[in-house]
Amino acid sequence: MSRPRSKQPKTRITLEFTVPVRERMERIKDRLGADSVTEVIRRSILLYEAVLEAGALRIVSKDDREHAILPDLF
Protein backbone atom coordinates (compact mmCIF):
# COMPACT_ATOMS: atom_id res chain seq x y z
CA MET A 1 0.00 0.00 0.00
CA SER A 2 1.85 3.05 -1.21
CA ARG A 3 1.43 6.63 -0.10
CA PRO A 4 0.46 9.44 -2.46
CA ARG A 5 3.42 11.22 -4.01
CA SER A 6 4.56 14.24 -2.04
CA LYS A 7 4.69 17.66 -3.67
CA GLN A 8 7.72 18.58 -1.53
CA PRO A 9 11.15 18.97 -3.16
CA LYS A 10 13.21 15.79 -3.16
CA THR A 11 16.89 15.02 -2.90
CA ARG A 12 18.66 11.85 -3.95
CA ILE A 13 21.03 9.98 -1.64
CA THR A 14 23.09 6.84 -2.10
CA LEU A 15 23.17 4.22 0.64
CA GLU A 16 25.23 1.07 0.98
CA PHE A 17 23.86 -1.97 2.80
CA THR A 18 25.19 -5.45 3.30
CA VAL A 19 23.40 -8.15 1.35
CA PRO A 20 21.65 -9.55 4.47
CA VAL A 21 20.30 -6.08 5.37
CA ARG A 22 19.04 -5.56 1.82
CA GLU A 23 17.34 -8.98 1.95
CA ARG A 24 15.68 -8.02 5.26
CA MET A 25 14.41 -4.79 3.72
CA GLU A 26 12.99 -6.74 0.77
CA ARG A 27 11.17 -9.11 3.15
CA ILE A 28 9.76 -6.15 5.07
CA LYS A 29 8.70 -4.55 1.78
CA ASP A 30 6.82 -7.70 0.84
CA ARG A 31 5.13 -7.98 4.26
CA LEU A 32 4.05 -4.34 4.15
CA GLY A 33 2.96 -4.46 0.54
CA ALA A 34 5.16 -1.41 -0.01
CA ASP A 35 6.06 -0.33 -3.53
CA SER A 36 9.79 -0.10 -2.87
CA VAL A 37 12.59 -0.40 -0.36
CA THR A 38 12.62 3.40 -0.37
CA GLU A 39 9.08 3.30 1.05
CA VAL A 40 10.30 0.90 3.77
CA ILE A 41 13.05 3.36 4.68
CA ARG A 42 10.58 6.29 4.77
CA ARG A 43 8.22 4.37 7.05
CA SER A 44 11.14 3.29 9.25
CA ILE A 45 12.16 6.91 9.72
CA LEU A 46 8.59 7.85 10.71
CA LEU A 47 8.49 5.00 13.23
CA TYR A 48 11.91 5.86 14.64
CA GLU A 49 10.87 9.48 15.01
CA ALA A 50 7.71 8.43 16.89
CA VAL A 51 9.78 6.29 19.26
CA LEU A 52 12.16 9.20 19.86
CA GLU A 53 9.17 11.44 20.65
CA ALA A 54 7.80 8.87 23.10
CA GLY A 55 11.18 8.25 24.69
CA ALA A 56 10.64 4.49 24.99
CA LEU A 57 9.54 1.42 23.08
CA ARG A 58 7.44 -1.38 24.57
CA ILE A 59 6.86 -4.54 22.53
CA VAL A 60 3.89 -6.73 23.40
CA SER A 61 2.86 -9.85 21.48
CA LYS A 62 -0.69 -10.59 20.39
CA ASP A 63 -1.09 -12.84 23.43
CA ASP A 64 -0.20 -9.89 25.73
CA ARG A 65 3.29 -11.13 26.60
CA GLU A 66 5.78 -8.33 27.02
CA HIS A 67 8.97 -8.93 25.05
CA ALA A 68 10.94 -5.77 25.62
CA ILE A 69 10.87 -2.34 27.14
CA LEU A 70 13.62 -0.18 25.75
CA PRO A 71 13.60 3.14 27.61
CA ASP A 72 17.26 3.94 27.06
CA LEU A 73 17.62 3.45 23.33
CA PHE A 74 18.46 7.07 22.83
PDB file of N, CA and C in Angstrom:
ATOM      1  N   MET A   1       0.850  -1.156   0.000  1.00  0.00           N
ATOM      2  CA  MET A   1       0.000   0.000   0.000  1.00  0.00           C
ATOM      3  C   MET A   1       0.901   1.226   0.000  1.00  0.00           C
ATOM      4  N   SER A   2       0.957   1.900  -1.109  1.00  0.00           N
ATOM      5  CA  SER A   2       1.851   3.046  -1.210  1.00  0.00           C
ATOM      6  C   SER A   2       1.138   4.330  -0.806  1.00  0.00           C
ATOM      7  N   ARG A   3       1.954   5.319  -0.491  1.00  0.00           N
ATOM      8  CA  ARG A   3       1.434   6.626  -0.104  1.00  0.00           C
ATOM      9  C   ARG A   3       1.371   7.507  -1.336  1.00  0.00           C
ATOM     10  N   PRO A   4       0.489   8.521  -1.331  1.00  0.00           N
ATOM     11  CA  PRO A   4       0.457   9.445  -2.464  1.00  0.00           C
ATOM     12  C   PRO A   4       1.789  10.178  -2.579  1.00  0.00           C
ATOM     13  N   ARG A   5       2.165  10.502  -3.789  1.00  0.00           N
ATOM     14  CA  ARG A   5       3.417  11.222  -4.010  1.00  0.00           C
ATOM     15  C   ARG A   5       3.370  12.597  -3.373  1.00  0.00           C
ATOM     16  N   SER A   6       4.447  12.949  -2.702  1.00  0.00           N
ATOM     17  CA  SER A   6       4.557  14.235  -2.040  1.00  0.00           C
ATOM     18  C   SER A   6       4.888  15.318  -3.060  1.00  0.00           C
ATOM     19  N   LYS A   7       4.384  16.506  -2.818  1.00  0.00           N
ATOM     20  CA  LYS A   7       4.688  17.655  -3.668  1.00  0.00           C
ATOM     21  C   LYS A   7       5.959  18.369  -3.195  1.00  0.00           C
ATOM     22  N   GLN A   8       6.525  17.937  -2.078  1.00  0.00           N
ATOM     23  CA  GLN A   8       7.715  18.578  -1.528  1.00  0.00           C
ATOM     24  C   GLN A   8       8.935  18.281  -2.396  1.00  0.00           C
ATOM     25  N   PRO A   9       9.917  19.214  -2.403  1.00  0.00           N
ATOM     26  CA  PRO A   9      11.147  18.967  -3.156  1.00  0.00           C
ATOM     27  C   PRO A   9      11.843  17.708  -2.637  1.00  0.00           C
ATOM     28  N   LYS A  10      12.525  17.037  -3.519  1.00  0.00           N
ATOM     29  CA  LYS A  10      13.211  15.795  -3.159  1.00  0.00           C
ATOM     30  C   LYS A  10      14.705  15.941  -3.390  1.00  0.00           C
ATOM     31  N   THR A  11      15.454  15.101  -2.698  1.00  0.00           N
ATOM     32  CA  THR A  11      16.893  15.016  -2.899  1.00  0.00           C
ATOM     33  C   THR A  11      17.267  13.547  -2.984  1.00  0.00           C
ATOM     34  N   ARG A  12      18.248  13.232  -3.769  1.00  0.00           N
ATOM     35  CA  ARG A  12      18.663  11.848  -3.955  1.00  0.00           C
ATOM     36  C   ARG A  12      19.876  11.578  -3.066  1.00  0.00           C
ATOM     37  N   ILE A  13      19.876  10.409  -2.416  1.00  0.00           N
ATOM     38  CA  ILE A  13      21.032   9.979  -1.636  1.00  0.00           C
ATOM     39  C   ILE A  13      21.392   8.559  -2.043  1.00  0.00           C
ATOM     40  N   THR A  14      22.625   8.195  -1.805  1.00  0.00           N
ATOM     41  CA  THR A  14      23.089   6.844  -2.098  1.00  0.00           C
ATOM     42  C   THR A  14      23.439   6.173  -0.782  1.00  0.00           C
ATOM     43  N   LEU A  15      22.916   4.978  -0.589  1.00  0.00           N
ATOM     44  CA  LEU A  15      23.169   4.221   0.640  1.00  0.00           C
ATOM     45  C   LEU A  15      23.795   2.883   0.282  1.00  0.00           C
ATOM     46  N   GLU A  16      24.664   2.404   1.142  1.00  0.00           N
ATOM     47  CA  GLU A  16      25.234   1.074   0.978  1.00  0.00           C
ATOM     48  C   GLU A  16      24.779   0.196   2.129  1.00  0.00           C
ATOM     49  N   PHE A  17      24.297  -1.003   1.810  1.00  0.00           N
ATOM     50  CA  PHE A  17      23.859  -1.968   2.803  1.00  0.00           C
ATOM     51  C   PHE A  17      24.517  -3.297   2.513  1.00  0.00           C
ATOM     52  N   THR A  18      24.721  -4.095   3.542  1.00  0.00           N
ATOM     53  CA  THR A  18      25.190  -5.454   3.305  1.00  0.00           C
ATOM     54  C   THR A  18      24.059  -6.233   2.645  1.00  0.00           C
ATOM     55  N   VAL A  19      24.414  -7.327   2.015  1.00  0.00           N
ATOM     56  CA  VAL A  19      23.403  -8.151   1.348  1.00  0.00           C
ATOM     57  C   VAL A  19      22.327  -8.627   2.333  1.00  0.00           C
ATOM     58  N   PRO A  20      22.697  -9.114   3.536  1.00  0.00           N
ATOM     59  CA  PRO A  20      21.650  -9.548   4.467  1.00  0.00           C
ATOM     60  C   PRO A  20      20.676  -8.423   4.856  1.00  0.00           C
ATOM     61  N   VAL A  21      21.193  -7.208   5.024  1.00  0.00           N
ATOM     62  CA  VAL A  21      20.303  -6.084   5.373  1.00  0.00           C
ATOM     63  C   VAL A  21      19.369  -5.789   4.209  1.00  0.00           C
ATOM     64  N   ARG A  22      19.885  -5.799   2.999  1.00  0.00           N
ATOM     65  CA  ARG A  22      19.043  -5.562   1.817  1.00  0.00           C
ATOM     66  C   ARG A  22      17.957  -6.643   1.724  1.00  0.00           C
ATOM     67  N   GLU A  23      18.319  -7.882   1.991  1.00  0.00           N
ATOM     68  CA  GLU A  23      17.339  -8.975   1.950  1.00  0.00           C
ATOM     69  C   GLU A  23      16.264  -8.772   3.011  1.00  0.00           C
ATOM     70  N   ARG A  24      16.660  -8.307   4.198  1.00  0.00           N
ATOM     71  CA  ARG A  24      15.680  -8.024   5.255  1.00  0.00           C
ATOM     72  C   ARG A  24      14.724  -6.924   4.817  1.00  0.00           C
ATOM     73  N   MET A  25      15.269  -5.877   4.194  1.00  0.00           N
ATOM     74  CA  MET A  25      14.412  -4.789   3.718  1.00  0.00           C
ATOM     75  C   MET A  25      13.433  -5.280   2.655  1.00  0.00           C
ATOM     76  N   GLU A  26      13.879  -6.175   1.788  1.00  0.00           N
ATOM     77  CA  GLU A  26      12.988  -6.742   0.770  1.00  0.00           C
ATOM     78  C   GLU A  26      11.866  -7.551   1.414  1.00  0.00           C
ATOM     79  N   ARG A  27      12.213  -8.333   2.457  1.00  0.00           N
ATOM     80  CA  ARG A  27      11.175  -9.115   3.153  1.00  0.00           C
ATOM     81  C   ARG A  27      10.172  -8.190   3.827  1.00  0.00           C
ATOM     82  N   ILE A  28      10.657  -7.119   4.441  1.00  0.00           N
ATOM     83  CA  ILE A  28       9.759  -6.149   5.073  1.00  0.00           C
ATOM     84  C   ILE A  28       8.882  -5.495   4.018  1.00  0.00           C
ATOM     85  N   LYS A  29       9.464  -5.145   2.885  1.00  0.00           N
ATOM     86  CA  LYS A  29       8.702  -4.545   1.781  1.00  0.00           C
ATOM     87  C   LYS A  29       7.552  -5.460   1.372  1.00  0.00           C
ATOM     88  N   ASP A  30       7.848  -6.733   1.230  1.00  0.00           N
ATOM     89  CA  ASP A  30       6.821  -7.700   0.842  1.00  0.00           C
ATOM     90  C   ASP A  30       5.731  -7.818   1.902  1.00  0.00           C
ATOM     91  N   ARG A  31       6.117  -7.870   3.172  1.00  0.00           N
ATOM     92  CA  ARG A  31       5.133  -7.983   4.265  1.00  0.00           C
ATOM     93  C   ARG A  31       4.236  -6.756   4.349  1.00  0.00           C
ATOM     94  N   LEU A  32       4.819  -5.578   4.099  1.00  0.00           N
ATOM     95  CA  LEU A  32       4.046  -4.335   4.153  1.00  0.00           C
ATOM     96  C   LEU A  32       3.209  -4.115   2.896  1.00  0.00           C
ATOM     97  N   GLY A  33       3.601  -4.759   1.813  1.00  0.00           N
ATOM     98  CA  GLY A  33       2.958  -4.459   0.537  1.00  0.00           C
ATOM     99  C   GLY A  33       3.414  -3.108   0.009  1.00  0.00           C
ATOM    100  N   ALA A  34       4.610  -2.691   0.427  1.00  0.00           N
ATOM    101  CA  ALA A  34       5.160  -1.405  -0.008  1.00  0.00           C
ATOM    102  C   ALA A  34       5.616  -1.509  -1.457  1.00  0.00           C
ATOM    103  N   ASP A  35       5.646  -0.364  -2.133  1.00  0.00           N
ATOM    104  CA  ASP A  35       6.059  -0.331  -3.535  1.00  0.00           C
ATOM    105  C   ASP A  35       7.557  -0.487  -3.722  1.00  0.00           C
ATOM    106  N   SER A  36       8.342  -0.099  -2.700  1.00  0.00           N
ATOM    107  CA  SER A  36       9.792  -0.098  -2.868  1.00  0.00           C
ATOM    108  C   SER A  36      10.486  -0.163  -1.515  1.00  0.00           C
ATOM    109  N   VAL A  37      11.780  -0.443  -1.561  1.00  0.00           N
ATOM    110  CA  VAL A  37      12.594  -0.397  -0.358  1.00  0.00           C
ATOM    111  C   VAL A  37      12.665   1.045   0.141  1.00  0.00           C
ATOM    112  N   THR A  38      12.627   1.997  -0.768  1.00  0.00           N
ATOM    113  CA  THR A  38      12.617   3.404  -0.372  1.00  0.00           C
ATOM    114  C   THR A  38      11.420   3.690   0.532  1.00  0.00           C
ATOM    115  N   GLU A  39      10.273   3.122   0.213  1.00  0.00           N
ATOM    116  CA  GLU A  39       9.082   3.298   1.050  1.00  0.00           C
ATOM    117  C   GLU A  39       9.295   2.675   2.429  1.00  0.00           C
ATOM    118  N   VAL A  40       9.971   1.539   2.488  1.00  0.00           N
ATOM    119  CA  VAL A  40      10.296   0.901   3.768  1.00  0.00           C
ATOM    120  C   VAL A  40      11.171   1.833   4.603  1.00  0.00           C
ATOM    121  N   ILE A  41      12.159   2.442   3.971  1.00  0.00           N
ATOM    122  CA  ILE A  41      13.050   3.355   4.684  1.00  0.00           C
ATOM    123  C   ILE A  41      12.275   4.572   5.178  1.00  0.00           C
ATOM    124  N   ARG A  42      11.400   5.138   4.344  1.00  0.00           N
ATOM    125  CA  ARG A  42      10.583   6.286   4.774  1.00  0.00           C
ATOM    126  C   ARG A  42       9.738   5.931   5.995  1.00  0.00           C
ATOM    127  N   ARG A  43       9.067   4.782   5.928  1.00  0.00           N
ATOM    128  CA  ARG A  43       8.220   4.368   7.050  1.00  0.00           C
ATOM    129  C   ARG A  43       9.051   4.105   8.297  1.00  0.00           C
ATOM    130  N   SER A  44      10.245   3.547   8.118  1.00  0.00           N
ATOM    131  CA  SER A  44      11.135   3.288   9.245  1.00  0.00           C
ATOM    132  C   SER A  44      11.537   4.587   9.937  1.00  0.00           C
ATOM    133  N   ILE A  45      11.801   5.611   9.147  1.00  0.00           N
ATOM    134  CA  ILE A  45      12.160   6.911   9.717  1.00  0.00           C
ATOM    135  C   ILE A  45      10.989   7.478  10.511  1.00  0.00           C
ATOM    136  N   LEU A  46       9.778   7.368   9.984  1.00  0.00           N
ATOM    137  CA  LEU A  46       8.594   7.853  10.708  1.00  0.00           C
ATOM    138  C   LEU A  46       8.424   7.109  12.030  1.00  0.00           C
ATOM    139  N   LEU A  47       8.612   5.793  12.005  1.00  0.00           N
ATOM    140  CA  LEU A  47       8.490   5.000  13.229  1.00  0.00           C
ATOM    141  C   LEU A  47       9.577   5.381  14.231  1.00  0.00           C
ATOM    142  N   TYR A  48      10.798   5.504  13.763  1.00  0.00           N
ATOM    143  CA  TYR A  48      11.910   5.858  14.644  1.00  0.00           C
ATOM    144  C   TYR A  48      11.671   7.231  15.268  1.00  0.00           C
ATOM    145  N   GLU A  49      11.172   8.152  14.485  1.00  0.00           N
ATOM    146  CA  GLU A  49      10.868   9.481  15.007  1.00  0.00           C
ATOM    147  C   GLU A  49       9.794   9.412  16.092  1.00  0.00           C
ATOM    148  N   ALA A  50       8.773   8.582  15.889  1.00  0.00           N
ATOM    149  CA  ALA A  50       7.714   8.430  16.890  1.00  0.00           C
ATOM    150  C   ALA A  50       8.261   7.843  18.185  1.00  0.00           C
ATOM    151  N   VAL A  51       9.172   6.877  18.071  1.00  0.00           N
ATOM    152  CA  VAL A  51       9.784   6.285  19.262  1.00  0.00           C
ATOM    153  C   VAL A  51      10.628   7.331  19.987  1.00  0.00           C
ATOM    154  N   LEU A  52      11.370   8.136  19.241  1.00  0.00           N
ATOM    155  CA  LEU A  52      12.157   9.199  19.858  1.00  0.00           C
ATOM    156  C   LEU A  52      11.258  10.181  20.604  1.00  0.00           C
ATOM    157  N   GLU A  53      10.124  10.530  20.007  1.00  0.00           N
ATOM    158  CA  GLU A  53       9.172  11.438  20.649  1.00  0.00           C
ATOM    159  C   GLU A  53       8.649  10.845  21.953  1.00  0.00           C
ATOM    160  N   ALA A  54       8.356   9.536  21.918  1.00  0.00           N
ATOM    161  CA  ALA A  54       7.799   8.869  23.096  1.00  0.00           C
ATOM    162  C   ALA A  54       8.863   8.639  24.163  1.00  0.00           C
ATOM    163  N   GLY A  55      10.097   8.464  23.748  1.00  0.00           N
ATOM    164  CA  GLY A  55      11.182   8.250  24.687  1.00  0.00           C
ATOM    165  C   GLY A  55      11.352   6.812  25.128  1.00  0.00           C
ATOM    166  N   ALA A  56      10.527   5.904  24.618  1.00  0.00           N
ATOM    167  CA  ALA A  56      10.636   4.490  24.986  1.00  0.00           C
ATOM    168  C   ALA A  56       9.918   3.644  23.952  1.00  0.00           C
ATOM    169  N   LEU A  57      10.202   2.359  23.972  1.00  0.00           N
ATOM    170  CA  LEU A  57       9.542   1.415  23.079  1.00  0.00           C
ATOM    171  C   LEU A  57       9.183   0.180  23.889  1.00  0.00           C
ATOM    172  N   ARG A  58       7.924  -0.188  23.868  1.00  0.00           N
ATOM    173  CA  ARG A  58       7.439  -1.380  24.574  1.00  0.00           C
ATOM    174  C   ARG A  58       6.855  -2.321  23.531  1.00  0.00           C
ATOM    175  N   ILE A  59       7.321  -3.559  23.506  1.00  0.00           N
ATOM    176  CA  ILE A  59       6.856  -4.536  22.525  1.00  0.00           C
ATOM    177  C   ILE A  59       6.036  -5.589  23.242  1.00  0.00           C
ATOM    178  N   VAL A  60       4.802  -5.766  22.797  1.00  0.00           N
ATOM    179  CA  VAL A  60       3.888  -6.732  23.399  1.00  0.00           C
ATOM    180  C   VAL A  60       3.329  -7.611  22.283  1.00  0.00           C
ATOM    181  N   SER A  61       3.371  -8.930  22.490  1.00  0.00           N
ATOM    182  CA  SER A  61       2.861  -9.850  21.477  1.00  0.00           C
ATOM    183  C   SER A  61       1.335  -9.871  21.494  1.00  0.00           C
ATOM    184  N   LYS A  62       0.762 -10.509  20.496  1.00  0.00           N
ATOM    185  CA  LYS A  62      -0.694 -10.594  20.387  1.00  0.00           C
ATOM    186  C   LYS A  62      -1.328 -11.289  21.590  1.00  0.00           C
ATOM    187  N   ASP A  63      -0.564 -12.151  22.249  1.00  0.00           N
ATOM    188  CA  ASP A  63      -1.093 -12.839  23.429  1.00  0.00           C
ATOM    189  C   ASP A  63      -0.750 -12.086  24.723  1.00  0.00           C
ATOM    190  N   ASP A  64      -0.449 -10.791  24.607  1.00  0.00           N
ATOM    191  CA  ASP A  64      -0.200  -9.891  25.735  1.00  0.00           C
ATOM    192  C   ASP A  64       1.077 -10.188  26.522  1.00  0.00           C
ATOM    193  N   ARG A  65       1.997 -10.929  25.943  1.00  0.00           N
ATOM    194  CA  ARG A  65       3.287 -11.127  26.599  1.00  0.00           C
ATOM    195  C   ARG A  65       4.213  -9.979  26.230  1.00  0.00           C
ATOM    196  N   GLU A  66       4.847  -9.426  27.246  1.00  0.00           N
ATOM    197  CA  GLU A  66       5.782  -8.332  27.016  1.00  0.00           C
ATOM    198  C   GLU A  66       7.140  -8.902  26.632  1.00  0.00           C
ATOM    199  N   HIS A  67       7.690  -8.427  25.538  1.00  0.00           N
ATOM    200  CA  HIS A  67       8.972  -8.929  25.052  1.00  0.00           C
ATOM    201  C   HIS A  67      10.123  -7.983  25.332  1.00  0.00           C
ATOM    202  N   ALA A  68       9.844  -6.714  25.375  1.00  0.00           N
ATOM    203  CA  ALA A  68      10.939  -5.769  25.615  1.00  0.00           C
ATOM    204  C   ALA A  68      10.385  -4.395  25.999  1.00  0.00           C
ATOM    205  N   ILE A  69      11.085  -3.765  26.880  1.00  0.00           N
ATOM    206  CA  ILE A  69      10.870  -2.342  27.137  1.00  0.00           C
ATOM    207  C   ILE A  69      12.237  -1.709  26.964  1.00  0.00           C
ATOM    208  N   LEU A  70      12.330  -0.775  26.070  1.00  0.00           N
ATOM    209  CA  LEU A  70      13.619  -0.177  25.750  1.00  0.00           C
ATOM    210  C   LEU A  70      13.591   1.319  26.027  1.00  0.00           C
ATOM    211  N   PRO A  71      13.695   1.723  27.294  1.00  0.00           N
ATOM    212  CA  PRO A  71      13.601   3.138  27.610  1.00  0.00           C
ATOM    213  C   PRO A  71      14.874   3.914  27.314  1.00  0.00           C
ATOM    214  N   ASP A  72      15.991   3.232  27.213  1.00  0.00           N
ATOM    215  CA  ASP A  72      17.262   3.942  27.062  1.00  0.00           C
ATOM    216  C   ASP A  72      17.901   3.701  25.696  1.00  0.00           C
ATOM    217  N   LEU A  73      17.085   3.613  24.659  1.00  0.00           N
ATOM    218  CA  LEU A  73      17.623   3.446  23.327  1.00  0.00           C
ATOM    219  C   LEU A  73      18.358   4.679  22.846  1.00  0.00           C
ATOM    220  N   PHE A  74      18.025   5.813  23.426  1.00  0.00           N
ATOM    221  CA  PHE A  74      18.464   7.073  22.829  1.00  0.00           C
ATOM    222  C   PHE A  74      19.278   7.854  23.793  1.00  0.00           C
TER     223      PHE A  74
END
